[in-house]
PDB file of N, CA and C in Angstrom:
ATOM      1  N   MET A   1      16.176 -54.901 -23.213  1.00  0.00           N
ATOM      2  CA  MET A   1      15.697 -56.245 -23.400  1.00  0.00           C
ATOM      3  C   MET A   1      14.768 -56.585 -22.258  1.00  0.00           C
ATOM      4  N   GLN A   2      13.685 -57.184 -22.600  1.00  0.00           N
ATOM      5  CA  GLN A   2      12.679 -57.523 -21.625  1.00  0.00           C
ATOM      6  C   GLN A   2      12.784 -59.006 -21.295  1.00  0.00           C
ATOM      7  N   THR A   3      12.810 -59.286 -19.980  1.00  0.00           N
ATOM      8  CA  THR A   3      12.867 -60.689 -19.572  1.00  0.00           C
ATOM      9  C   THR A   3      11.450 -61.188 -19.402  1.00  0.00           C
ATOM     10  N   PRO A   4      11.248 -62.466 -19.526  1.00  0.00           N
ATOM     11  CA  PRO A   4       9.902 -62.994 -19.365  1.00  0.00           C
ATOM     12  C   PRO A   4       9.382 -62.732 -17.944  1.00  0.00           C
ATOM     13  N   GLY A   5       8.147 -62.315 -17.817  1.00  0.00           N
ATOM     14  CA  GLY A   5       7.523 -62.072 -16.529  1.00  0.00           C
ATOM     15  C   GLY A   5       7.656 -60.641 -16.038  1.00  0.00           C
ATOM     16  N   THR A   6       8.398 -59.787 -16.699  1.00  0.00           N
ATOM     17  CA  THR A   6       8.520 -58.380 -16.293  1.00  0.00           C
ATOM     18  C   THR A   6       7.807 -57.511 -17.318  1.00  0.00           C
ATOM     19  N   GLN A   7       7.228 -56.499 -16.819  1.00  0.00           N
ATOM     20  CA  GLN A   7       6.544 -55.555 -17.706  1.00  0.00           C
ATOM     21  C   GLN A   7       7.192 -54.181 -17.567  1.00  0.00           C
ATOM     22  N   GLU A   8       7.282 -53.507 -18.660  1.00  0.00           N
ATOM     23  CA  GLU A   8       7.801 -52.155 -18.647  1.00  0.00           C
ATOM     24  C   GLU A   8       6.658 -51.216 -18.260  1.00  0.00           C
ATOM     25  N   ALA A   9       6.926 -50.261 -17.388  1.00  0.00           N
ATOM     26  CA  ALA A   9       5.884 -49.346 -16.933  1.00  0.00           C
ATOM     27  C   ALA A   9       5.452 -48.457 -18.094  1.00  0.00           C
ATOM     28  N   ALA A  10       4.149 -48.269 -18.194  1.00  0.00           N
ATOM     29  CA  ALA A  10       3.618 -47.411 -19.246  1.00  0.00           C
ATOM     30  C   ALA A  10       3.964 -45.959 -18.915  1.00  0.00           C
ATOM     31  N   PRO A  11       4.319 -45.159 -19.912  1.00  0.00           N
ATOM     32  CA  PRO A  11       4.650 -43.757 -19.620  1.00  0.00           C
ATOM     33  C   PRO A  11       3.423 -43.014 -19.086  1.00  0.00           C
ATOM     34  N   ARG A  12       3.685 -42.138 -18.116  1.00  0.00           N
ATOM     35  CA  ARG A  12       2.597 -41.372 -17.508  1.00  0.00           C
ATOM     36  C   ARG A  12       2.308 -40.144 -18.359  1.00  0.00           C
ATOM     37  N   THR A  13       1.061 -39.722 -18.347  1.00  0.00           N
ATOM     38  CA  THR A  13       0.709 -38.516 -19.095  1.00  0.00           C
ATOM     39  C   THR A  13       1.255 -37.294 -18.368  1.00  0.00           C
ATOM     40  N   TRP A  14       1.391 -36.174 -19.090  1.00  0.00           N
ATOM     41  CA  TRP A  14       2.042 -34.991 -18.533  1.00  0.00           C
ATOM     42  C   TRP A  14       1.282 -34.377 -17.374  1.00  0.00           C
ATOM     43  N   TRP A  15      -0.016 -34.472 -17.359  1.00  0.00           N
ATOM     44  CA  TRP A  15      -0.777 -33.843 -16.272  1.00  0.00           C
ATOM     45  C   TRP A  15      -0.780 -34.662 -14.998  1.00  0.00           C
ATOM     46  N   ARG A  16      -0.206 -35.862 -15.050  1.00  0.00           N
ATOM     47  CA  ARG A  16      -0.123 -36.689 -13.851  1.00  0.00           C
ATOM     48  C   ARG A  16       1.259 -36.618 -13.191  1.00  0.00           C
ATOM     49  N   GLU A  17       2.125 -35.797 -13.717  1.00  0.00           N
ATOM     50  CA  GLU A  17       3.463 -35.650 -13.161  1.00  0.00           C
ATOM     51  C   GLU A  17       3.474 -34.522 -12.123  1.00  0.00           C
ATOM     52  N   PRO A  18       3.817 -34.814 -10.866  1.00  0.00           N
ATOM     53  CA  PRO A  18       3.819 -33.770  -9.832  1.00  0.00           C
ATOM     54  C   PRO A  18       4.843 -32.657 -10.104  1.00  0.00           C
ATOM     55  N   MET A  19       5.998 -33.006 -10.669  1.00  0.00           N
ATOM     56  CA  MET A  19       7.018 -31.994 -10.923  1.00  0.00           C
ATOM     57  C   MET A  19       6.528 -30.973 -11.952  1.00  0.00           C
ATOM     58  N   MET A  20       5.745 -31.399 -12.910  1.00  0.00           N
ATOM     59  CA  MET A  20       5.213 -30.477 -13.904  1.00  0.00           C
ATOM     60  C   MET A  20       4.321 -29.442 -13.229  1.00  0.00           C
ATOM     61  N   TRP A  21       3.515 -29.829 -12.264  1.00  0.00           N
ATOM     62  CA  TRP A  21       2.631 -28.889 -11.569  1.00  0.00           C
ATOM     63  C   TRP A  21       3.425 -27.922 -10.695  1.00  0.00           C
ATOM     64  N   LEU A  22       4.552 -28.373 -10.153  1.00  0.00           N
ATOM     65  CA  LEU A  22       5.405 -27.462  -9.394  1.00  0.00           C
ATOM     66  C   LEU A  22       6.037 -26.417 -10.308  1.00  0.00           C
ATOM     67  N   VAL A  23       6.446 -26.828 -11.501  1.00  0.00           N
ATOM     68  CA  VAL A  23       7.094 -25.902 -12.429  1.00  0.00           C
ATOM     69  C   VAL A  23       6.085 -24.925 -13.021  1.00  0.00           C
ATOM     70  N   VAL A  24       4.898 -25.388 -13.364  1.00  0.00           N
ATOM     71  CA  VAL A  24       3.893 -24.550 -14.014  1.00  0.00           C
ATOM     72  C   VAL A  24       3.041 -23.808 -12.982  1.00  0.00           C
ATOM     73  N   GLY A  25       2.901 -24.358 -11.796  1.00  0.00           N
ATOM     74  CA  GLY A  25       2.016 -23.771 -10.790  1.00  0.00           C
ATOM     75  C   GLY A  25       2.452 -22.412 -10.289  1.00  0.00           C
ATOM     76  N   GLY A  26       3.738 -22.202 -10.064  1.00  0.00           N
ATOM     77  CA  GLY A  26       4.240 -20.911  -9.569  1.00  0.00           C
ATOM     78  C   GLY A  26       3.940 -19.768 -10.532  1.00  0.00           C
ATOM     79  N   PRO A  27       4.406 -19.855 -11.779  1.00  0.00           N
ATOM     80  CA  PRO A  27       4.086 -18.790 -12.731  1.00  0.00           C
ATOM     81  C   PRO A  27       2.584 -18.659 -12.994  1.00  0.00           C
ATOM     82  N   GLY A  28       1.865 -19.752 -12.949  1.00  0.00           N
ATOM     83  CA  GLY A  28       0.411 -19.683 -13.141  1.00  0.00           C
ATOM     84  C   GLY A  28      -0.260 -18.900 -12.027  1.00  0.00           C
ATOM     85  N   ALA A  29       0.202 -19.098 -10.799  1.00  0.00           N
ATOM     86  CA  ALA A  29      -0.364 -18.350  -9.666  1.00  0.00           C
ATOM     87  C   ALA A  29      -0.044 -16.870  -9.784  1.00  0.00           C
ATOM     88  N   VAL A  30       1.150 -16.538 -10.261  1.00  0.00           N
ATOM     89  CA  VAL A  30       1.536 -15.130 -10.429  1.00  0.00           C
ATOM     90  C   VAL A  30       0.682 -14.475 -11.512  1.00  0.00           C
ATOM     91  N   ILE A  31       0.422 -15.181 -12.584  1.00  0.00           N
ATOM     92  CA  ILE A  31      -0.421 -14.636 -13.655  1.00  0.00           C
ATOM     93  C   ILE A  31      -1.837 -14.400 -13.136  1.00  0.00           C
ATOM     94  N   LEU A  32      -2.384 -15.341 -12.387  1.00  0.00           N
ATOM     95  CA  LEU A  32      -3.728 -15.159 -11.825  1.00  0.00           C
ATOM     96  C   LEU A  32      -3.773 -13.975 -10.868  1.00  0.00           C
ATOM     97  N   ALA A  33      -2.741 -13.806 -10.043  1.00  0.00           N
ATOM     98  CA  ALA A  33      -2.699 -12.673  -9.121  1.00  0.00           C
ATOM     99  C   ALA A  33      -2.602 -11.356  -9.886  1.00  0.00           C
ATOM    100  N   GLY A  34      -1.859 -11.335 -10.977  1.00  0.00           N
ATOM    101  CA  GLY A  34      -1.750 -10.133 -11.798  1.00  0.00           C
ATOM    102  C   GLY A  34      -3.071  -9.758 -12.441  1.00  0.00           C
ATOM    103  N   VAL A  35      -3.796 -10.753 -12.934  1.00  0.00           N
ATOM    104  CA  VAL A  35      -5.113 -10.501 -13.542  1.00  0.00           C
ATOM    105  C   VAL A  35      -6.076  -9.979 -12.479  1.00  0.00           C
ATOM    106  N   ALA A  36      -6.033 -10.550 -11.287  1.00  0.00           N
ATOM    107  CA  ALA A  36      -6.910 -10.076 -10.208  1.00  0.00           C
ATOM    108  C   ALA A  36      -6.566  -8.638  -9.821  1.00  0.00           C
ATOM    109  N   THR A  37      -5.283  -8.307  -9.796  1.00  0.00           N
ATOM    110  CA  THR A  37      -4.869  -6.943  -9.460  1.00  0.00           C
ATOM    111  C   THR A  37      -5.343  -5.944 -10.512  1.00  0.00           C
ATOM    112  N   VAL A  38      -5.219  -6.298 -11.774  1.00  0.00           N
ATOM    113  CA  VAL A  38      -5.687  -5.415 -12.847  1.00  0.00           C
ATOM    114  C   VAL A  38      -7.191  -5.244 -12.766  1.00  0.00           C
ATOM    115  N   ALA A  39      -7.913  -6.326 -12.497  1.00  0.00           N
ATOM    116  CA  ALA A  39      -9.369  -6.234 -12.393  1.00  0.00           C
ATOM    117  C   ALA A  39      -9.786  -5.308 -11.250  1.00  0.00           C
ATOM    118  N   LEU A  40      -9.115  -5.398 -10.107  1.00  0.00           N
ATOM    119  CA  LEU A  40      -9.410  -4.498  -8.989  1.00  0.00           C
ATOM    120  C   LEU A  40      -9.071  -3.051  -9.326  1.00  0.00           C
ATOM    121  N   ALA A  41      -7.950  -2.838  -9.995  1.00  0.00           N
ATOM    122  CA  ALA A  41      -7.536  -1.475 -10.341  1.00  0.00           C
ATOM    123  C   ALA A  41      -8.515  -0.834 -11.319  1.00  0.00           C
ATOM    124  N   VAL A  42      -9.042  -1.620 -12.246  1.00  0.00           N
ATOM    125  CA  VAL A  42      -9.997  -1.079 -13.218  1.00  0.00           C
ATOM    126  C   VAL A  42     -11.353  -0.854 -12.562  1.00  0.00           C
ATOM    127  N   ALA A  43     -11.746  -1.740 -11.672  1.00  0.00           N
ATOM    128  CA  ALA A  43     -13.064  -1.628 -11.042  1.00  0.00           C
ATOM    129  C   ALA A  43     -13.118  -0.507 -10.007  1.00  0.00           C
ATOM    130  N   HIS A  44     -12.033  -0.245  -9.309  1.00  0.00           N
ATOM    131  CA  HIS A  44     -12.007   0.766  -8.243  1.00  0.00           C
ATOM    132  C   HIS A  44     -10.810   1.708  -8.431  1.00  0.00           C
ATOM    133  N   PRO A  45     -10.869   2.614  -9.405  1.00  0.00           N
ATOM    134  CA  PRO A  45      -9.720   3.509  -9.623  1.00  0.00           C
ATOM    135  C   PRO A  45      -9.590   4.545  -8.510  1.00  0.00           C
ATOM    136  N   ASP A  46      -8.370   5.024  -8.310  1.00  0.00           N
ATOM    137  CA  ASP A  46      -8.119   6.064  -7.323  1.00  0.00           C
ATOM    138  C   ASP A  46      -8.698   7.391  -7.818  1.00  0.00           C
ATOM    139  N   PRO A  47      -9.181   8.222  -6.893  1.00  0.00           N
ATOM    140  CA  PRO A  47      -9.719   9.515  -7.330  1.00  0.00           C
ATOM    141  C   PRO A  47      -8.585  10.440  -7.793  1.00  0.00           C
ATOM    142  N   VAL A  48      -8.926  11.300  -8.733  1.00  0.00           N
ATOM    143  CA  VAL A  48      -7.955  12.234  -9.281  1.00  0.00           C
ATOM    144  C   VAL A  48      -7.903  13.465  -8.382  1.00  0.00           C
ATOM    145  N   VAL A  49      -6.710  14.008  -8.188  1.00  0.00           N
ATOM    146  CA  VAL A  49      -6.535  15.205  -7.376  1.00  0.00           C
ATOM    147  C   VAL A  49      -7.139  16.384  -8.130  1.00  0.00           C
ATOM    148  N   ASP A  50      -7.851  17.257  -7.406  1.00  0.00           N
ATOM    149  CA  ASP A  50      -8.454  18.426  -8.029  1.00  0.00           C
ATOM    150  C   ASP A  50      -7.383  19.304  -8.652  1.00  0.00           C
ATOM    151  N   ALA A  51      -7.731  19.942  -9.738  1.00  0.00           N
ATOM    152  CA  ALA A  51      -6.791  20.824 -10.417  1.00  0.00           C
ATOM    153  C   ALA A  51      -6.504  22.067  -9.574  1.00  0.00           C
ATOM    154  N   ASP A  52      -7.457  22.474  -8.753  1.00  0.00           N
ATOM    155  CA  ASP A  52      -7.274  23.677  -7.944  1.00  0.00           C
ATOM    156  C   ASP A  52      -7.018  23.331  -6.474  1.00  0.00           C
ATOM    157  N   TYR A  53      -6.237  22.287  -6.231  1.00  0.00           N
ATOM    158  CA  TYR A  53      -5.960  21.868  -4.855  1.00  0.00           C
ATOM    159  C   TYR A  53      -5.218  22.948  -4.073  1.00  0.00           C
ATOM    160  N   TYR A  54      -4.353  23.705  -4.743  1.00  0.00           N
ATOM    161  CA  TYR A  54      -3.586  24.735  -4.036  1.00  0.00           C
ATOM    162  C   TYR A  54      -4.503  25.846  -3.533  1.00  0.00           C
ATOM    163  N   ARG A  55      -5.447  26.275  -4.376  1.00  0.00           N
ATOM    164  CA  ARG A  55      -6.380  27.325  -3.984  1.00  0.00           C
ATOM    165  C   ARG A  55      -7.222  26.872  -2.804  1.00  0.00           C
ATOM    166  N   LYS A  56      -7.667  25.628  -2.819  1.00  0.00           N
ATOM    167  CA  LYS A  56      -8.462  25.108  -1.699  1.00  0.00           C
ATOM    168  C   LYS A  56      -7.645  25.081  -0.408  1.00  0.00           C
ATOM    169  N   GLY A  57      -6.374  24.723  -0.509  1.00  0.00           N
ATOM    170  CA  GLY A  57      -5.520  24.724   0.677  1.00  0.00           C
ATOM    171  C   GLY A  57      -5.315  26.123   1.232  1.00  0.00           C
ATOM    172  N   VAL A  58      -5.157  27.095   0.347  1.00  0.00           N
ATOM    173  CA  VAL A  58      -4.998  28.482   0.788  1.00  0.00           C
ATOM    174  C   VAL A  58      -6.265  28.960   1.482  1.00  0.00           C
ATOM    175  N   GLU A  59      -7.423  28.579   0.941  1.00  0.00           N
ATOM    176  CA  GLU A  59      -8.693  28.967   1.575  1.00  0.00           C
ATOM    177  C   GLU A  59      -8.837  28.346   2.959  1.00  0.00           C
ATOM    178  N   ILE A  60      -8.423  27.106   3.110  1.00  0.00           N
ATOM    179  CA  ILE A  60      -8.493  26.443   4.419  1.00  0.00           C
ATOM    180  C   ILE A  60      -7.589  27.168   5.411  1.00  0.00           C
ATOM    181  N   ASN A  61      -6.377  27.515   4.987  1.00  0.00           N
ATOM    182  CA  ASN A  61      -5.457  28.238   5.881  1.00  0.00           C
ATOM    183  C   ASN A  61      -6.011  29.606   6.245  1.00  0.00           C
ATOM    184  N   ARG A  62      -6.641  30.280   5.288  1.00  0.00           N
ATOM    185  CA  ARG A  62      -7.226  31.595   5.568  1.00  0.00           C
ATOM    186  C   ARG A  62      -8.355  31.461   6.593  1.00  0.00           C
ATOM    187  N   THR A  63      -9.190  30.425   6.436  1.00  0.00           N
ATOM    188  CA  THR A  63     -10.285  30.192   7.375  1.00  0.00           C
ATOM    189  C   THR A  63      -9.741  29.915   8.775  1.00  0.00           C
ATOM    190  N   LEU A  64      -8.705  29.118   8.868  1.00  0.00           N
ATOM    191  CA  LEU A  64      -8.104  28.830  10.175  1.00  0.00           C
ATOM    192  C   LEU A  64      -7.503  30.082  10.792  1.00  0.00           C
ATOM    193  N   ALA A  65      -6.892  30.924   9.979  1.00  0.00           N
ATOM    194  CA  ALA A  65      -6.315  32.170  10.489  1.00  0.00           C
ATOM    195  C   ALA A  65      -7.414  33.107  10.997  1.00  0.00           C
ATOM    196  N   GLU A  66      -8.542  33.133  10.288  1.00  0.00           N
ATOM    197  CA  GLU A  66      -9.659  33.973  10.740  1.00  0.00           C
ATOM    198  C   GLU A  66     -10.209  33.469  12.067  1.00  0.00           C
ATOM    199  N   ARG A  67     -10.308  32.168  12.232  1.00  0.00           N
ATOM    200  CA  ARG A  67     -10.795  31.611  13.503  1.00  0.00           C
ATOM    201  C   ARG A  67      -9.827  31.937  14.637  1.00  0.00           C
ATOM    202  N   ALA A  68      -8.537  31.867  14.356  1.00  0.00           N
ATOM    203  CA  ALA A  68      -7.546  32.171  15.384  1.00  0.00           C
ATOM    204  C   ALA A  68      -7.603  33.643  15.759  1.00  0.00           C
ATOM    205  N   ALA A  69      -7.908  34.512  14.792  1.00  0.00           N
ATOM    206  CA  ALA A  69      -8.000  35.944  15.085  1.00  0.00           C
ATOM    207  C   ALA A  69      -9.225  36.258  15.924  1.00  0.00           C
ATOM    208  N   GLU A  70     -10.286  35.461  15.753  1.00  0.00           N
ATOM    209  CA  GLU A  70     -11.508  35.678  16.534  1.00  0.00           C
ATOM    210  C   GLU A  70     -11.296  35.332  17.999  1.00  0.00           C
ATOM    211  N   THR A  71     -10.513  34.314  18.282  1.00  0.00           N
ATOM    212  CA  THR A  71     -10.240  33.880  19.659  1.00  0.00           C
ATOM    213  C   THR A  71      -8.725  33.853  19.861  1.00  0.00           C
ATOM    214  N   PRO A  72      -8.111  34.999  20.154  1.00  0.00           N
ATOM    215  CA  PRO A  72      -6.642  35.052  20.225  1.00  0.00           C
ATOM    216  C   PRO A  72      -6.037  34.220  21.346  1.00  0.00           C
ATOM    217  N   GLY A  73      -6.723  34.022  22.454  1.00  0.00           N
ATOM    218  CA  GLY A  73      -6.140  33.269  23.559  1.00  0.00           C
ATOM    219  C   GLY A  73      -6.317  31.769  23.431  1.00  0.00           C
ATOM    220  N   ALA A  74      -7.025  31.315  22.433  1.00  0.00           N
ATOM    221  CA  ALA A  74      -7.317  29.888  22.304  1.00  0.00           C
ATOM    222  C   ALA A  74      -6.070  29.065  22.038  1.00  0.00           C
ATOM    223  N   ARG A  75      -5.091  29.635  21.344  1.00  0.00           N
ATOM    224  CA  ARG A  75      -3.892  28.868  21.004  1.00  0.00           C
ATOM    225  C   ARG A  75      -2.761  29.091  21.990  1.00  0.00           C
ATOM    226  N   ARG A  76      -2.938  29.916  22.945  1.00  0.00           N
ATOM    227  CA  ARG A  76      -1.858  30.255  23.854  1.00  0.00           C
ATOM    228  C   ARG A  76      -1.302  29.045  24.617  1.00  0.00           C
ATOM    229  N   PRO A  77      -2.123  28.174  25.211  1.00  0.00           N
ATOM    230  CA  PRO A  77      -1.537  27.025  25.918  1.00  0.00           C
ATOM    231  C   PRO A  77      -0.731  26.113  24.995  1.00  0.00           C
ATOM    232  N   ALA A  78      -1.197  25.948  23.772  1.00  0.00           N
ATOM    233  CA  ALA A  78      -0.459  25.097  22.839  1.00  0.00           C
ATOM    234  C   ALA A  78       0.888  25.725  22.497  1.00  0.00           C
ATOM    235  N   MET A  79       0.908  27.012  22.298  1.00  0.00           N
ATOM    236  CA  MET A  79       2.157  27.682  21.972  1.00  0.00           C
ATOM    237  C   MET A  79       3.128  27.646  23.150  1.00  0.00           C
ATOM    238  N   GLU A  80       2.629  27.811  24.370  1.00  0.00           N
ATOM    239  CA  GLU A  80       3.502  27.741  25.543  1.00  0.00           C
ATOM    240  C   GLU A  80       4.086  26.339  25.699  1.00  0.00           C
ATOM    241  N   GLY A  81       3.253  25.328  25.468  1.00  0.00           N
ATOM    242  CA  GLY A  81       3.742  23.955  25.559  1.00  0.00           C
ATOM    243  C   GLY A  81       4.794  23.667  24.507  1.00  0.00           C
ATOM    244  N   ARG A  82       4.594  24.163  23.313  1.00  0.00           N
ATOM    245  CA  ARG A  82       5.559  23.956  22.242  1.00  0.00           C
ATOM    246  C   ARG A  82       6.865  24.661  22.576  1.00  0.00           C
ATOM    247  N   ASN A  83       6.781  25.894  23.058  1.00  0.00           N
ATOM    248  CA  ASN A  83       7.993  26.634  23.386  1.00  0.00           C
ATOM    249  C   ASN A  83       8.733  25.985  24.552  1.00  0.00           C
ATOM    250  N   HIS A  84       7.984  25.476  25.517  1.00  0.00           N
ATOM    251  CA  HIS A  84       8.619  24.812  26.653  1.00  0.00           C
ATOM    252  C   HIS A  84       9.337  23.547  26.190  1.00  0.00           C
ATOM    253  N   ALA A  85       8.717  22.798  25.308  1.00  0.00           N
ATOM    254  CA  ALA A  85       9.339  21.569  24.825  1.00  0.00           C
ATOM    255  C   ALA A  85      10.591  21.867  24.020  1.00  0.00           C
ATOM    256  N   ALA A  86      10.632  23.006  23.355  1.00  0.00           N
ATOM    257  CA  ALA A  86      11.798  23.362  22.553  1.00  0.00           C
ATOM    258  C   ALA A  86      12.951  23.841  23.419  1.00  0.00           C
ATOM    259  N   THR A  87      12.689  24.303  24.651  1.00  0.00           N
ATOM    260  CA  THR A  87      13.749  24.851  25.488  1.00  0.00           C
ATOM    261  C   THR A  87      14.166  23.917  26.608  1.00  0.00           C
ATOM    262  N   VAL A  88      13.667  22.704  26.655  1.00  0.00           N
ATOM    263  CA  VAL A  88      14.051  21.780  27.724  1.00  0.00           C
ATOM    264  C   VAL A  88      15.525  21.442  27.573  1.00  0.00           C
ATOM    265  N   GLY A  89      16.258  21.519  28.652  1.00  0.00           N
ATOM    266  CA  GLY A  89      17.670  21.170  28.644  1.00  0.00           C
ATOM    267  C   GLY A  89      18.580  22.353  28.418  1.00  0.00           C
ATOM    268  N   ARG A  90      18.077  23.484  28.033  1.00  0.00           N
ATOM    269  CA  ARG A  90      18.938  24.631  27.808  1.00  0.00           C
ATOM    270  C   ARG A  90      19.332  25.315  29.107  1.00  0.00           C
ATOM    271  N   GLY A  91      18.534  25.149  30.157  1.00  0.00           N
ATOM    272  CA  GLY A  91      18.845  25.811  31.421  1.00  0.00           C
ATOM    273  C   GLY A  91      19.987  25.138  32.167  1.00  0.00           C
ATOM    274  N   ALA A  92      20.363  23.927  31.787  1.00  0.00           N
ATOM    275  CA  ALA A  92      21.391  23.174  32.498  1.00  0.00           C
ATOM    276  C   ALA A  92      22.768  23.379  31.907  1.00  0.00           C
ATOM    277  N   GLU A  93      22.950  24.381  31.085  1.00  0.00           N
ATOM    278  CA  GLU A  93      24.251  24.583  30.450  1.00  0.00           C
ATOM    279  C   GLU A  93      25.266  25.149  31.374  1.00  0.00           C
TER     280      GLU A  93
END
């Protein structure tokens, strides 16, 4: 019942309700982020691994072995350092 001199507030439209934007805004932001992610993935795809990656790795190892055979003393300090690091603490037994 309406008393004289009072007015009932007009209902607000749905887009003017702050709670509606909180409820719809979160999922809307996630959807936009998903679309942006798909667009980036399609525009810049990852390169495919070569089918003969194993053969290329074997060739690289062979090349490194040939270089080591050409200069046999080149790796000696590294090997001594590695062996020393592996034996630290064994002399105190």
